[in-house]
Amino acid sequence: MKQALHTDNAPAAIGPYSQAVRAGGFLYTSGQIPVNPVTGEVPDGIEAQARQALENIRAILVRAGLEKGAVVKTTVFLQNMEHFSAMNRVYAEFFEGTAYPARSAVQVARLPKDVLVEIEAIALL
């Protein structure tokens, strides 16, 4: 059985998908791009964008009654692998104090709204 999850504290889905789905003891988030859910704006620079994408994930986790320590796996999509170090610093700060999740990071040709980063997560319920 699966259950879709939604929060107004993260950007609304812009297509036929859910912000997150609960299934089989896990929460699967859709990829979160760095859109501020209040203003609709995308911040400038990879560090600010990585931080906003992670804050969007945090909002979804909170809606599910979870904390960032529940995240077991992430996938980071980068518009340019040269941004890896800067993203990694923000990522390390975000997950500081928890066991770091397993992670994949890949460079992609293009992301929605031409953002620099998109991050998805899987968390244990």
PDB file of N, CA and C in Angstrom:
ATOM      1  N   MET A   1       0.839  -1.174   0.000  1.00  0.00           N
ATOM      2  CA  MET A   1       0.000   0.000   0.000  1.00  0.00           C
ATOM      3  C   MET A   1       0.887   1.240   0.000  1.00  0.00           C
ATOM      4  N   LYS A   2       0.498   2.229  -0.777  1.00  0.00           N
ATOM      5  CA  LYS A   2       1.272   3.465  -0.796  1.00  0.00           C
ATOM      6  C   LYS A   2       0.361   4.646  -0.487  1.00  0.00           C
ATOM      7  N   GLN A   3       0.980   5.703   0.032  1.00  0.00           N
ATOM      8  CA  GLN A   3       0.245   6.901   0.400  1.00  0.00           C
ATOM      9  C   GLN A   3       1.029   8.123  -0.062  1.00  0.00           C
ATOM     10  N   ALA A   4       0.390   8.973  -0.845  1.00  0.00           N
ATOM     11  CA  ALA A   4       1.027  10.221  -1.282  1.00  0.00           C
ATOM     12  C   ALA A   4       1.047  11.204  -0.124  1.00  0.00           C
ATOM     13  N   LEU A   5       2.066  12.037  -0.106  1.00  0.00           N
ATOM     14  CA  LEU A   5       2.226  13.029   0.951  1.00  0.00           C
ATOM     15  C   LEU A   5       2.434  14.394   0.310  1.00  0.00           C
ATOM     16  N   HIS A   6       1.880  15.431   0.929  1.00  0.00           N
ATOM     17  CA  HIS A   6       2.023  16.800   0.420  1.00  0.00           C
ATOM     18  C   HIS A   6       2.186  17.772   1.580  1.00  0.00           C
ATOM     19  N   THR A   7       3.016  18.777   1.384  1.00  0.00           N
ATOM     20  CA  THR A   7       3.139  19.889   2.315  1.00  0.00           C
ATOM     21  C   THR A   7       3.243  21.191   1.526  1.00  0.00           C
ATOM     22  N   ASP A   8       2.657  22.236   2.055  1.00  0.00           N
ATOM     23  CA  ASP A   8       2.784  23.561   1.442  1.00  0.00           C
ATOM     24  C   ASP A   8       4.143  24.186   1.740  1.00  0.00           C
ATOM     25  N   ASN A   9       4.934  23.557   2.615  1.00  0.00           N
ATOM     26  CA  ASN A   9       6.243  24.081   2.991  1.00  0.00           C
ATOM     27  C   ASN A   9       7.366  23.636   2.054  1.00  0.00           C
ATOM     28  N   ALA A  10       6.996  22.942   0.986  1.00  0.00           N
ATOM     29  CA  ALA A  10       7.935  22.572  -0.082  1.00  0.00           C
ATOM     30  C   ALA A  10       7.236  22.908  -1.392  1.00  0.00           C
ATOM     31  N   PRO A  11       7.986  23.105  -2.453  1.00  0.00           N
ATOM     32  CA  PRO A  11       7.353  23.447  -3.732  1.00  0.00           C
ATOM     33  C   PRO A  11       6.335  22.396  -4.158  1.00  0.00           C
ATOM     34  N   ALA A  12       5.223  22.857  -4.679  1.00  0.00           N
ATOM     35  CA  ALA A  12       4.189  21.951  -5.180  1.00  0.00           C
ATOM     36  C   ALA A  12       4.713  21.201  -6.400  1.00  0.00           C
ATOM     37  N   ALA A  13       4.215  20.003  -6.584  1.00  0.00           N
ATOM     38  CA  ALA A  13       4.570  19.237  -7.771  1.00  0.00           C
ATOM     39  C   ALA A  13       4.124  20.001  -9.015  1.00  0.00           C
ATOM     40  N   ILE A  14       4.977  20.027 -10.034  1.00  0.00           N
ATOM     41  CA  ILE A  14       4.648  20.759 -11.263  1.00  0.00           C
ATOM     42  C   ILE A  14       4.284  19.805 -12.390  1.00  0.00           C
ATOM     43  N   GLY A  15       3.907  18.603 -12.023  1.00  0.00           N
ATOM     44  CA  GLY A  15       3.531  17.587 -13.002  1.00  0.00           C
ATOM     45  C   GLY A  15       2.751  16.486 -12.324  1.00  0.00           C
ATOM     46  N   PRO A  16       2.552  15.385 -13.010  1.00  0.00           N
ATOM     47  CA  PRO A  16       1.775  14.278 -12.466  1.00  0.00           C
ATOM     48  C   PRO A  16       2.613  13.384 -11.539  1.00  0.00           C
ATOM     49  N   TYR A  17       3.025  13.934 -10.403  1.00  0.00           N
ATOM     50  CA  TYR A  17       3.785  13.186  -9.409  1.00  0.00           C
ATOM     51  C   TYR A  17       3.505  13.765  -8.033  1.00  0.00           C
ATOM     52  N   SER A  18       3.879  13.040  -7.006  1.00  0.00           N
ATOM     53  CA  SER A  18       3.699  13.472  -5.615  1.00  0.00           C
ATOM     54  C   SER A  18       5.014  14.015  -5.075  1.00  0.00           C
ATOM     55  N   GLN A  19       4.935  14.919  -4.099  1.00  0.00           N
ATOM     56  CA  GLN A  19       6.147  15.384  -3.442  1.00  0.00           C
ATOM     57  C   GLN A  19       6.875  14.215  -2.795  1.00  0.00           C
ATOM     58  N   ALA A  20       6.096  13.291  -2.244  1.00  0.00           N
ATOM     59  CA  ALA A  20       6.668  12.111  -1.596  1.00  0.00           C
ATOM     60  C   ALA A  20       5.604  11.023  -1.524  1.00  0.00           C
ATOM     61  N   VAL A  21       6.074   9.793  -1.353  1.00  0.00           N
ATOM     62  CA  VAL A  21       5.180   8.643  -1.213  1.00  0.00           C
ATOM     63  C   VAL A  21       5.707   7.774  -0.076  1.00  0.00           C
ATOM     64  N   ARG A  22       4.791   7.382   0.814  1.00  0.00           N
ATOM     65  CA  ARG A  22       5.098   6.398   1.855  1.00  0.00           C
ATOM     66  C   ARG A  22       4.785   5.026   1.287  1.00  0.00           C
ATOM     67  N   ALA A  23       5.721   4.094   1.412  1.00  0.00           N
ATOM     68  CA  ALA A  23       5.486   2.728   0.931  1.00  0.00           C
ATOM     69  C   ALA A  23       6.511   1.793   1.552  1.00  0.00           C
ATOM     70  N   GLY A  24       6.059   0.623   1.976  1.00  0.00           N
ATOM     71  CA  GLY A  24       6.964  -0.412   2.446  1.00  0.00           C
ATOM     72  C   GLY A  24       7.922   0.002   3.545  1.00  0.00           C
ATOM     73  N   GLY A  25       7.494   0.859   4.455  1.00  0.00           N
ATOM     74  CA  GLY A  25       8.355   1.275   5.555  1.00  0.00           C
ATOM     75  C   GLY A  25       9.327   2.390   5.214  1.00  0.00           C
ATOM     76  N   PHE A  26       9.173   2.975   4.021  1.00  0.00           N
ATOM     77  CA  PHE A  26      10.057   4.057   3.597  1.00  0.00           C
ATOM     78  C   PHE A  26       9.255   5.254   3.110  1.00  0.00           C
ATOM     79  N   LEU A  27       9.901   6.401   3.117  1.00  0.00           N
ATOM     80  CA  LEU A  27       9.379   7.609   2.493  1.00  0.00           C
ATOM     81  C   LEU A  27      10.303   7.924   1.326  1.00  0.00           C
ATOM     82  N   TYR A  28       9.739   8.028   0.145  1.00  0.00           N
ATOM     83  CA  TYR A  28      10.494   8.357  -1.068  1.00  0.00           C
ATOM     84  C   TYR A  28      10.117   9.763  -1.486  1.00  0.00           C
ATOM     85  N   THR A  29      11.074  10.681  -1.510  1.00  0.00           N
ATOM     86  CA  THR A  29      10.757  12.029  -1.981  1.00  0.00           C
ATOM     87  C   THR A  29      11.009  12.114  -3.478  1.00  0.00           C
ATOM     88  N   SER A  30      10.247  12.956  -4.122  1.00  0.00           N
ATOM     89  CA  SER A  30      10.570  13.316  -5.494  1.00  0.00           C
ATOM     90  C   SER A  30      11.788  14.225  -5.440  1.00  0.00           C
ATOM     91  N   GLY A  31      12.452  14.373  -6.561  1.00  0.00           N
ATOM     92  CA  GLY A  31      13.587  15.280  -6.614  1.00  0.00           C
ATOM     93  C   GLY A  31      13.147  16.683  -6.246  1.00  0.00           C
ATOM     94  N   GLN A  32      13.898  17.316  -5.359  1.00  0.00           N
ATOM     95  CA  GLN A  32      13.578  18.667  -4.919  1.00  0.00           C
ATOM     96  C   GLN A  32      14.552  19.651  -5.546  1.00  0.00           C
ATOM     97  N   ILE A  33      13.989  20.563  -6.311  1.00  0.00           N
ATOM     98  CA  ILE A  33      14.813  21.628  -6.869  1.00  0.00           C
ATOM     99  C   ILE A  33      14.768  22.810  -5.904  1.00  0.00           C
ATOM    100  N   PRO A  34      15.680  23.757  -6.036  1.00  0.00           N
ATOM    101  CA  PRO A  34      15.805  24.836  -5.071  1.00  0.00           C
ATOM    102  C   PRO A  34      14.822  25.995  -5.280  1.00  0.00           C
ATOM    103  N   VAL A  35      13.554  25.686  -5.247  1.00  0.00           N
ATOM    104  CA  VAL A  35      12.532  26.718  -5.359  1.00  0.00           C
ATOM    105  C   VAL A  35      12.025  27.034  -3.956  1.00  0.00           C
ATOM    106  N   ASN A  36      12.034  28.295  -3.589  1.00  0.00           N
ATOM    107  CA  ASN A  36      11.480  28.716  -2.313  1.00  0.00           C
ATOM    108  C   ASN A  36       9.966  28.537  -2.394  1.00  0.00           C
ATOM    109  N   PRO A  37       9.359  27.740  -1.506  1.00  0.00           N
ATOM    110  CA  PRO A  37       7.929  27.460  -1.615  1.00  0.00           C
ATOM    111  C   PRO A  37       7.033  28.667  -1.346  1.00  0.00           C
ATOM    112  N   VAL A  38       7.554  29.681  -0.698  1.00  0.00           N
ATOM    113  CA  VAL A  38       6.768  30.882  -0.391  1.00  0.00           C
ATOM    114  C   VAL A  38       6.815  31.877  -1.540  1.00  0.00           C
ATOM    115  N   THR A  39       8.022  32.121  -2.045  1.00  0.00           N
ATOM    116  CA  THR A  39       8.189  33.163  -3.064  1.00  0.00           C
ATOM    117  C   THR A  39       8.211  32.619  -4.487  1.00  0.00           C
ATOM    118  N   GLY A  40       8.511  31.326  -4.633  1.00  0.00           N
ATOM    119  CA  GLY A  40       8.656  30.750  -5.964  1.00  0.00           C
ATOM    120  C   GLY A  40       9.993  31.078  -6.609  1.00  0.00           C
ATOM    121  N   GLU A  41      10.853  31.756  -5.889  1.00  0.00           N
ATOM    122  CA  GLU A  41      12.155  32.171  -6.415  1.00  0.00           C
ATOM    123  C   GLU A  41      13.201  31.071  -6.257  1.00  0.00           C
ATOM    124  N   VAL A  42      14.195  31.112  -7.138  1.00  0.00           N
ATOM    125  CA  VAL A  42      15.354  30.224  -7.077  1.00  0.00           C
ATOM    126  C   VAL A  42      16.548  31.083  -6.672  1.00  0.00           C
ATOM    127  N   PRO A  43      17.247  30.725  -5.584  1.00  0.00           N
ATOM    128  CA  PRO A  43      18.397  31.530  -5.174  1.00  0.00           C
ATOM    129  C   PRO A  43      19.550  31.391  -6.165  1.00  0.00           C
ATOM    130  N   ASP A  44      20.466  32.344  -6.110  1.00  0.00           N
ATOM    131  CA  ASP A  44      21.647  32.323  -6.967  1.00  0.00           C
ATOM    132  C   ASP A  44      22.744  31.485  -6.328  1.00  0.00           C
ATOM    133  N   GLY A  45      23.484  30.773  -7.147  1.00  0.00           N
ATOM    134  CA  GLY A  45      24.677  30.055  -6.693  1.00  0.00           C
ATOM    135  C   GLY A  45      24.396  28.655  -6.198  1.00  0.00           C
ATOM    136  N   ILE A  46      25.372  27.799  -6.346  1.00  0.00           N
ATOM    137  CA  ILE A  46      25.214  26.387  -6.005  1.00  0.00           C
ATOM    138  C   ILE A  46      25.004  26.181  -4.512  1.00  0.00           C
ATOM    139  N   GLU A  47      25.704  26.895  -3.659  1.00  0.00           N
ATOM    140  CA  GLU A  47      25.534  26.685  -2.222  1.00  0.00           C
ATOM    141  C   GLU A  47      24.129  27.044  -1.768  1.00  0.00           C
ATOM    142  N   ALA A  48      23.620  28.184  -2.197  1.00  0.00           N
ATOM    143  CA  ALA A  48      22.268  28.595  -1.822  1.00  0.00           C
ATOM    144  C   ALA A  48      21.228  27.652  -2.411  1.00  0.00           C
ATOM    145  N   GLN A  49      21.483  27.176  -3.623  1.00  0.00           N
ATOM    146  CA  GLN A  49      20.539  26.262  -4.247  1.00  0.00           C
ATOM    147  C   GLN A  49      20.552  24.899  -3.555  1.00  0.00           C
ATOM    148  N   ALA A  50      21.715  24.400  -3.205  1.00  0.00           N
ATOM    149  CA  ALA A  50      21.786  23.123  -2.489  1.00  0.00           C
ATOM    150  C   ALA A  50      21.082  23.242  -1.138  1.00  0.00           C
ATOM    151  N   ARG A  51      21.307  24.341  -0.451  1.00  0.00           N
ATOM    152  CA  ARG A  51      20.671  24.567   0.852  1.00  0.00           C
ATOM    153  C   ARG A  51      19.146  24.587   0.712  1.00  0.00           C
ATOM    154  N   GLN A  52      18.626  25.264  -0.310  1.00  0.00           N
ATOM    155  CA  GLN A  52      17.175  25.340  -0.489  1.00  0.00           C
ATOM    156  C   GLN A  52      16.593  23.978  -0.849  1.00  0.00           C
ATOM    157  N   ALA A  53      17.271  23.226  -1.707  1.00  0.00           N
ATOM    158  CA  ALA A  53      16.788  21.888  -2.056  1.00  0.00           C
ATOM    159  C   ALA A  53      16.726  21.005  -0.812  1.00  0.00           C
ATOM    160  N   LEU A  54      17.736  21.081   0.043  1.00  0.00           N
ATOM    161  CA  LEU A  54      17.749  20.302   1.273  1.00  0.00           C
ATOM    162  C   LEU A  54      16.683  20.774   2.253  1.00  0.00           C
ATOM    163  N   GLU A  55      16.441  22.066   2.316  1.00  0.00           N
ATOM    164  CA  GLU A  55      15.369  22.579   3.184  1.00  0.00           C
ATOM    165  C   GLU A  55      14.007  22.109   2.689  1.00  0.00           C
ATOM    166  N   ASN A  56      13.841  21.982   1.379  1.00  0.00           N
ATOM    167  CA  ASN A  56      12.590  21.452   0.837  1.00  0.00           C
ATOM    168  C   ASN A  56      12.418  19.988   1.252  1.00  0.00           C
ATOM    169  N   ILE A  57      13.517  19.236   1.241  1.00  0.00           N
ATOM    170  CA  ILE A  57      13.463  17.853   1.710  1.00  0.00           C
ATOM    171  C   ILE A  57      13.116  17.823   3.197  1.00  0.00           C
ATOM    172  N   ARG A  58      13.717  18.721   3.977  1.00  0.00           N
ATOM    173  CA  ARG A  58      13.422  18.769   5.411  1.00  0.00           C
ATOM    174  C   ARG A  58      11.926  19.019   5.644  1.00  0.00           C
ATOM    175  N   ALA A  59      11.330  19.916   4.868  1.00  0.00           N
ATOM    176  CA  ALA A  59       9.905  20.212   5.024  1.00  0.00           C
ATOM    177  C   ALA A  59       9.048  18.971   4.764  1.00  0.00           C
ATOM    178  N   ILE A  60       9.434  18.191   3.779  1.00  0.00           N
ATOM    179  CA  ILE A  60       8.699  16.952   3.477  1.00  0.00           C
ATOM    180  C   ILE A  60       8.888  15.943   4.606  1.00  0.00           C
ATOM    181  N   LEU A  61      10.106  15.831   5.111  1.00  0.00           N
ATOM    182  CA  LEU A  61      10.363  14.936   6.234  1.00  0.00           C
ATOM    183  C   LEU A  61       9.524  15.323   7.446  1.00  0.00           C
ATOM    184  N   VAL A  62       9.486  16.609   7.753  1.00  0.00           N
ATOM    185  CA  VAL A  62       8.700  17.096   8.888  1.00  0.00           C
ATOM    186  C   VAL A  62       7.234  16.743   8.706  1.00  0.00           C
ATOM    187  N   ARG A  63       6.721  16.932   7.505  1.00  0.00           N
ATOM    188  CA  ARG A  63       5.319  16.593   7.222  1.00  0.00           C
ATOM    189  C   ARG A  63       5.053  15.117   7.489  1.00  0.00           C
ATOM    190  N   ALA A  64       6.065  14.273   7.238  1.00  0.00           N
ATOM    191  CA  ALA A  64       5.935  12.833   7.463  1.00  0.00           C
ATOM    192  C   ALA A  64       6.219  12.452   8.915  1.00  0.00           C
ATOM    193  N   GLY A  65       6.566  13.446   9.752  1.00  0.00           N
ATOM    194  CA  GLY A  65       6.882  13.162  11.146  1.00  0.00           C
ATOM    195  C   GLY A  65       8.283  12.621  11.344  1.00  0.00           C
ATOM    196  N   LEU A  66       9.182  12.944  10.416  1.00  0.00           N
ATOM    197  CA  LEU A  66      10.547  12.431  10.452  1.00  0.00           C
ATOM    198  C   LEU A  66      11.560  13.550  10.621  1.00  0.00           C
ATOM    199  N   GLU A  67      12.772  13.160  10.971  1.00  0.00           N
ATOM    200  CA  GLU A  67      13.898  14.086  11.037  1.00  0.00           C
ATOM    201  C   GLU A  67      14.929  13.675   9.992  1.00  0.00           C
ATOM    202  N   LYS A  68      15.892  14.547   9.757  1.00  0.00           N
ATOM    203  CA  LYS A  68      16.886  14.272   8.716  1.00  0.00           C
ATOM    204  C   LYS A  68      17.688  13.007   8.984  1.00  0.00           C
ATOM    205  N   GLY A  69      17.779  12.587  10.233  1.00  0.00           N
ATOM    206  CA  GLY A  69      18.488  11.362  10.574  1.00  0.00           C
ATOM    207  C   GLY A  69      17.819  10.108  10.037  1.00  0.00           C
ATOM    208  N   ALA A  70      16.562  10.216   9.605  1.00  0.00           N
ATOM    209  CA  ALA A  70      15.844   9.077   9.036  1.00  0.00           C
ATOM    210  C   ALA A  70      16.239   8.811   7.588  1.00  0.00           C
ATOM    211  N   VAL A  71      16.923   9.758   6.963  1.00  0.00           N
ATOM    212  CA  VAL A  71      17.307   9.614   5.555  1.00  0.00           C
ATOM    213  C   VAL A  71      18.398   8.565   5.432  1.00  0.00           C
ATOM    214  N   VAL A  72      18.146   7.564   4.574  1.00  0.00           N
ATOM    215  CA  VAL A  72      19.113   6.484   4.385  1.00  0.00           C
ATOM    216  C   VAL A  72      19.827   6.548   3.036  1.00  0.00           C
ATOM    217  N   LYS A  73      19.244   7.273   2.073  1.00  0.00           N
ATOM    218  CA  LYS A  73      19.848   7.339   0.727  1.00  0.00           C
ATOM    219  C   LYS A  73      19.426   8.634   0.060  1.00  0.00           C
ATOM    220  N   THR A  74      20.344   9.272  -0.614  1.00  0.00           N
ATOM    221  CA  THR A  74      20.025  10.441  -1.431  1.00  0.00           C
ATOM    222  C   THR A  74      20.650  10.272  -2.807  1.00  0.00           C
ATOM    223  N   THR A  75      20.073  10.985  -3.752  1.00  0.00           N
ATOM    224  CA  THR A  75      20.675  11.119  -5.073  1.00  0.00           C
ATOM    225  C   THR A  75      20.750  12.609  -5.372  1.00  0.00           C
ATOM    226  N   VAL A  76      21.923  13.059  -5.756  1.00  0.00           N
ATOM    227  CA  VAL A  76      22.148  14.467  -6.073  1.00  0.00           C
ATOM    228  C   VAL A  76      22.407  14.571  -7.570  1.00  0.00           C
ATOM    229  N   PHE A  77      21.631  15.402  -8.217  1.00  0.00           N
ATOM    230  CA  PHE A  77      21.795  15.659  -9.651  1.00  0.00           C
ATOM    231  C   PHE A  77      22.402  17.050  -9.792  1.00  0.00           C
ATOM    232  N   LEU A  78      23.559  17.128 -10.408  1.00  0.00           N
ATOM    233  CA  LEU A  78      24.260  18.403 -10.576  1.00  0.00           C
ATOM    234  C   LEU A  78      24.298  18.793 -12.049  1.00  0.00           C
ATOM    235  N   GLN A  79      24.072  20.070 -12.299  1.00  0.00           N
ATOM    236  CA  GLN A  79      24.165  20.586 -13.667  1.00  0.00           C
ATOM    237  C   GLN A  79      25.617  20.596 -14.121  1.00  0.00           C
ATOM    238  N   ASN A  80      26.536  20.704 -13.157  1.00  0.00           N
ATOM    239  CA  ASN A  80      27.962  20.731 -13.481  1.00  0.00           C
ATOM    240  C   ASN A  80      28.730  20.085 -12.324  1.00  0.00           C
ATOM    241  N   MET A  81      29.488  19.055 -12.599  1.00  0.00           N
ATOM    242  CA  MET A  81      30.224  18.354 -11.552  1.00  0.00           C
ATOM    243  C   MET A  81      31.270  19.251 -10.888  1.00  0.00           C
ATOM    244  N   GLU A  82      31.612  20.369 -11.508  1.00  0.00           N
ATOM    245  CA  GLU A  82      32.519  21.324 -10.860  1.00  0.00           C
ATOM    246  C   GLU A  82      31.887  21.930  -9.611  1.00  0.00           C
ATOM    247  N   HIS A  83      30.583  21.794  -9.454  1.00  0.00           N
ATOM    248  CA  HIS A  83      29.879  22.297  -8.267  1.00  0.00           C
ATOM    249  C   HIS A  83      29.885  21.293  -7.116  1.00  0.00           C
ATOM    250  N   PHE A  84      30.483  20.117  -7.340  1.00  0.00           N
ATOM    251  CA  PHE A  84      30.414  19.047  -6.346  1.00  0.00           C
ATOM    252  C   PHE A  84      30.947  19.480  -4.982  1.00  0.00           C
ATOM    253  N   SER A  85      32.115  20.084  -4.922  1.00  0.00           N
ATOM    254  CA  SER A  85      32.730  20.456  -3.635  1.00  0.00           C
ATOM    255  C   SER A  85      31.867  21.434  -2.859  1.00  0.00           C
ATOM    256  N   ALA A  86      31.344  22.433  -3.537  1.00  0.00           N
ATOM    257  CA  ALA A  86      30.499  23.422  -2.870  1.00  0.00           C
ATOM    258  C   ALA A  86      29.208  22.775  -2.372  1.00  0.00           C
ATOM    259  N   MET A  87      28.591  21.946  -3.199  1.00  0.00           N
ATOM    260  CA  MET A  87      27.379  21.237  -2.777  1.00  0.00           C
ATOM    261  C   MET A  87      27.696  20.345  -1.591  1.00  0.00           C
ATOM    262  N   ASN A  88      28.827  19.667  -1.647  1.00  0.00           N
ATOM    263  CA  ASN A  88      29.211  18.728  -0.606  1.00  0.00           C
ATOM    264  C   ASN A  88      29.363  19.410   0.751  1.00  0.00           C
ATOM    265  N   ARG A  89      29.890  20.635   0.773  1.00  0.00           N
ATOM    266  CA  ARG A  89      30.018  21.382   2.025  1.00  0.00           C
ATOM    267  C   ARG A  89      28.645  21.638   2.641  1.00  0.00           C
ATOM    268  N   VAL A  90      27.701  22.093   1.825  1.00  0.00           N
ATOM    269  CA  VAL A  90      26.341  22.368   2.309  1.00  0.00           C
ATOM    270  C   VAL A  90      25.681  21.079   2.768  1.00  0.00           C
ATOM    271  N   TYR A  91      25.843  20.032   2.001  1.00  0.00           N
ATOM    272  CA  TYR A  91      25.271  18.717   2.306  1.00  0.00           C
ATOM    273  C   TYR A  91      25.810  18.213   3.653  1.00  0.00           C
ATOM    274  N   ALA A  92      27.119  18.325   3.867  1.00  0.00           N
ATOM    275  CA  ALA A  92      27.736  17.882   5.121  1.00  0.00           C
ATOM    276  C   ALA A  92      27.178  18.674   6.297  1.00  0.00           C
ATOM    277  N   GLU A  93      27.005  19.981   6.142  1.00  0.00           N
ATOM    278  CA  GLU A  93      26.429  20.805   7.209  1.00  0.00           C
ATOM    279  C   GLU A  93      24.997  20.375   7.509  1.00  0.00           C
ATOM    280  N   PHE A  94      24.220  20.107   6.466  1.00  0.00           N
ATOM    281  CA  PHE A  94      22.820  19.737   6.642  1.00  0.00           C
ATOM    282  C   PHE A  94      22.696  18.438   7.435  1.00  0.00           C
ATOM    283  N   PHE A  95      23.505  17.437   7.100  1.00  0.00           N
ATOM    284  CA  PHE A  95      23.400  16.130   7.751  1.00  0.00           C
ATOM    285  C   PHE A  95      24.333  15.987   8.952  1.00  0.00           C
ATOM    286  N   GLU A  96      25.014  17.066   9.350  1.00  0.00           N
ATOM    287  CA  GLU A  96      25.902  17.021  10.506  1.00  0.00           C
ATOM    288  C   GLU A  96      25.137  16.527  11.731  1.00  0.00           C
ATOM    289  N   GLY A  97      25.781  15.665  12.497  1.00  0.00           N
ATOM    290  CA  GLY A  97      25.155  15.143  13.707  1.00  0.00           C
ATOM    291  C   GLY A  97      24.325  13.892  13.474  1.00  0.00           C
ATOM    292  N   THR A  98      24.265  13.432  12.229  1.00  0.00           N
ATOM    293  CA  THR A  98      23.545  12.193  11.913  1.00  0.00           C
ATOM    294  C   THR A  98      24.516  11.259  11.196  1.00  0.00           C
ATOM    295  N   ALA A  99      24.127  10.016  11.078  1.00  0.00           N
ATOM    296  CA  ALA A  99      24.893   9.108  10.215  1.00  0.00           C
ATOM    297  C   ALA A  99      24.609   9.553   8.782  1.00  0.00           C
ATOM    298  N   TYR A 100      25.640   9.884   8.052  1.00  0.00           N
ATOM    299  CA  TYR A 100      25.426  10.355   6.684  1.00  0.00           C
ATOM    300  C   TYR A 100      24.718   9.278   5.859  1.00  0.00           C
ATOM    301  N   PRO A 101      23.735   9.682   5.053  1.00  0.00           N
ATOM    302  CA  PRO A 101      23.066   8.704   4.195  1.00  0.00           C
ATOM    303  C   PRO A 101      24.004   8.199   3.097  1.00  0.00           C
ATOM    304  N   ALA A 102      23.670   7.044   2.541  1.00  0.00           N
ATOM    305  CA  ALA A 102      24.329   6.613   1.318  1.00  0.00           C
ATOM    306  C   ALA A 102      23.958   7.647   0.250  1.00  0.00           C
ATOM    307  N   ARG A 103      24.826   7.837  -0.739  1.00  0.00           N
ATOM    308  CA  ARG A 103      24.555   8.889  -1.720  1.00  0.00           C
ATOM    309  C   ARG A 103      25.143   8.559  -3.069  1.00  0.00           C
ATOM    310  N   SER A 104      24.433   8.985  -4.091  1.00  0.00           N
ATOM    311  CA  SER A 104      24.954   9.001  -5.454  1.00  0.00           C
ATOM    312  C   SER A 104      24.928  10.455  -5.899  1.00  0.00           C
ATOM    313  N   ALA A 105      25.883  10.842  -6.714  1.00  0.00           N
ATOM    314  CA  ALA A 105      25.895  12.189  -7.287  1.00  0.00           C
ATOM    315  C   ALA A 105      26.264  12.060  -8.755  1.00  0.00           C
ATOM    316  N   VAL A 106      25.432  12.649  -9.596  1.00  0.00           N
ATOM    317  CA  VAL A 106      25.661  12.555 -11.032  1.00  0.00           C
ATOM    318  C   VAL A 106      25.496  13.918 -11.687  1.00  0.00           C
ATOM    319  N   GLN A 107      26.205  14.101 -12.784  1.00  0.00           N
ATOM    320  CA  GLN A 107      26.023  15.297 -13.600  1.00  0.00           C
ATOM    321  C   GLN A 107      24.977  14.991 -14.657  1.00  0.00           C
ATOM    322  N   VAL A 108      24.093  15.940 -14.863  1.00  0.00           N
ATOM    323  CA  VAL A 108      23.039  15.783 -15.864  1.00  0.00           C
ATOM    324  C   VAL A 108      23.104  16.942 -16.850  1.00  0.00           C
ATOM    325  N   ALA A 109      22.508  16.751 -18.005  1.00  0.00           N
ATOM    326  CA  ALA A 109      22.567  17.768 -19.050  1.00  0.00           C
ATOM    327  C   ALA A 109      21.756  19.014 -18.692  1.00  0.00           C
ATOM    328  N   ARG A 110      20.595  18.802 -18.055  1.00  0.00           N
ATOM    329  CA  ARG A 110      19.744  19.945 -17.749  1.00  0.00           C
ATOM    330  C   ARG A 110      18.761  19.551 -16.661  1.00  0.00           C
ATOM    331  N   LEU A 111      18.378  20.522 -15.834  1.00  0.00           N
ATOM    332  CA  LEU A 111      17.419  20.305 -14.761  1.00  0.00           C
ATOM    333  C   LEU A 111      16.240  21.258 -14.935  1.00  0.00           C
ATOM    334  N   PRO A 112      15.087  20.936 -14.336  1.00  0.00           N
ATOM    335  CA  PRO A 112      13.931  21.831 -14.447  1.00  0.00           C
ATOM    336  C   PRO A 112      14.282  23.254 -13.999  1.00  0.00           C
ATOM    337  N   LYS A 113      13.721  24.216 -14.695  1.00  0.00           N
ATOM    338  CA  LYS A 113      13.946  25.641 -14.409  1.00  0.00           C
ATOM    339  C   LYS A 113      15.417  26.032 -14.513  1.00  0.00           C
ATOM    340  N   ASP A 114      16.218  25.193 -15.163  1.00  0.00           N
ATOM    341  CA  ASP A 114      17.651  25.435 -15.333  1.00  0.00           C
ATOM    342  C   ASP A 114      18.388  25.653 -14.020  1.00  0.00           C
ATOM    343  N   VAL A 115      17.933  24.963 -12.955  1.00  0.00           N
ATOM    344  CA  VAL A 115      18.614  25.064 -11.670  1.00  0.00           C
ATOM    345  C   VAL A 115      19.936  24.312 -11.732  1.00  0.00           C
ATOM    346  N   LEU A 116      20.761  24.516 -10.725  1.00  0.00           N
ATOM    347  CA  LEU A 116      22.084  23.903 -10.675  1.00  0.00           C
ATOM    348  C   LEU A 116      22.091  22.544  -9.981  1.00  0.00           C
ATOM    349  N   VAL A 117      21.054  22.263  -9.166  1.00  0.00           N
ATOM    350  CA  VAL A 117      21.037  21.032  -8.382  1.00  0.00           C
ATOM    351  C   VAL A 117      19.608  20.576  -8.116  1.00  0.00           C
ATOM    352  N   GLU A 118      19.441  19.268  -8.024  1.00  0.00           N
ATOM    353  CA  GLU A 118      18.190  18.638  -7.609  1.00  0.00           C
ATOM    354  C   GLU A 118      18.579  17.476  -6.706  1.00  0.00           C
ATOM    355  N   ILE A 119      17.836  17.295  -5.610  1.00  0.00           N
ATOM    356  CA  ILE A 119      18.166  16.241  -4.656  1.00  0.00           C
ATOM    357  C   ILE A 119      16.911  15.454  -4.305  1.00  0.00           C
ATOM    358  N   GLU A 120      17.030  14.120  -4.306  1.00  0.00           N
ATOM    359  CA  GLU A 120      15.932  13.265  -3.850  1.00  0.00           C
ATOM    360  C   GLU A 120      16.430  12.442  -2.678  1.00  0.00           C
ATOM    361  N   ALA A 121      15.483  11.968  -1.856  1.00  0.00           N
ATOM    362  CA  ALA A 121      15.852  11.234  -0.650  1.00  0.00           C
ATOM    363  C   ALA A 121      14.925  10.056  -0.410  1.00  0.00           C
ATOM    364  N   ILE A 122      15.466   9.065   0.274  1.00  0.00           N
ATOM    365  CA  ILE A 122      14.693   7.939   0.773  1.00  0.00           C
ATOM    366  C   ILE A 122      14.940   7.903   2.276  1.00  0.00           C
ATOM    367  N   ALA A 123      13.845   7.855   3.048  1.00  0.00           N
ATOM    368  CA  ALA A 123      13.957   7.854   4.505  1.00  0.00           C
ATOM    369  C   ALA A 123      13.217   6.666   5.089  1.00  0.00           C
ATOM    370  N   LEU A 124      13.711   6.191   6.211  1.00  0.00           N
ATOM    371  CA  LEU A 124      13.101   5.088   6.938  1.00  0.00           C
ATOM    372  C   LEU A 124      11.991   5.646   7.817  1.00  0.00           C
ATOM    373  N   LEU A 125      10.814   5.053   7.705  1.00  0.00           N
ATOM    374  CA  LEU A 125       9.673   5.514   8.518  1.00  0.00           C
ATOM    375  C   LEU A 125       9.790   5.008   9.948  1.00  0.00           C
TER     376      LEU A 125
END
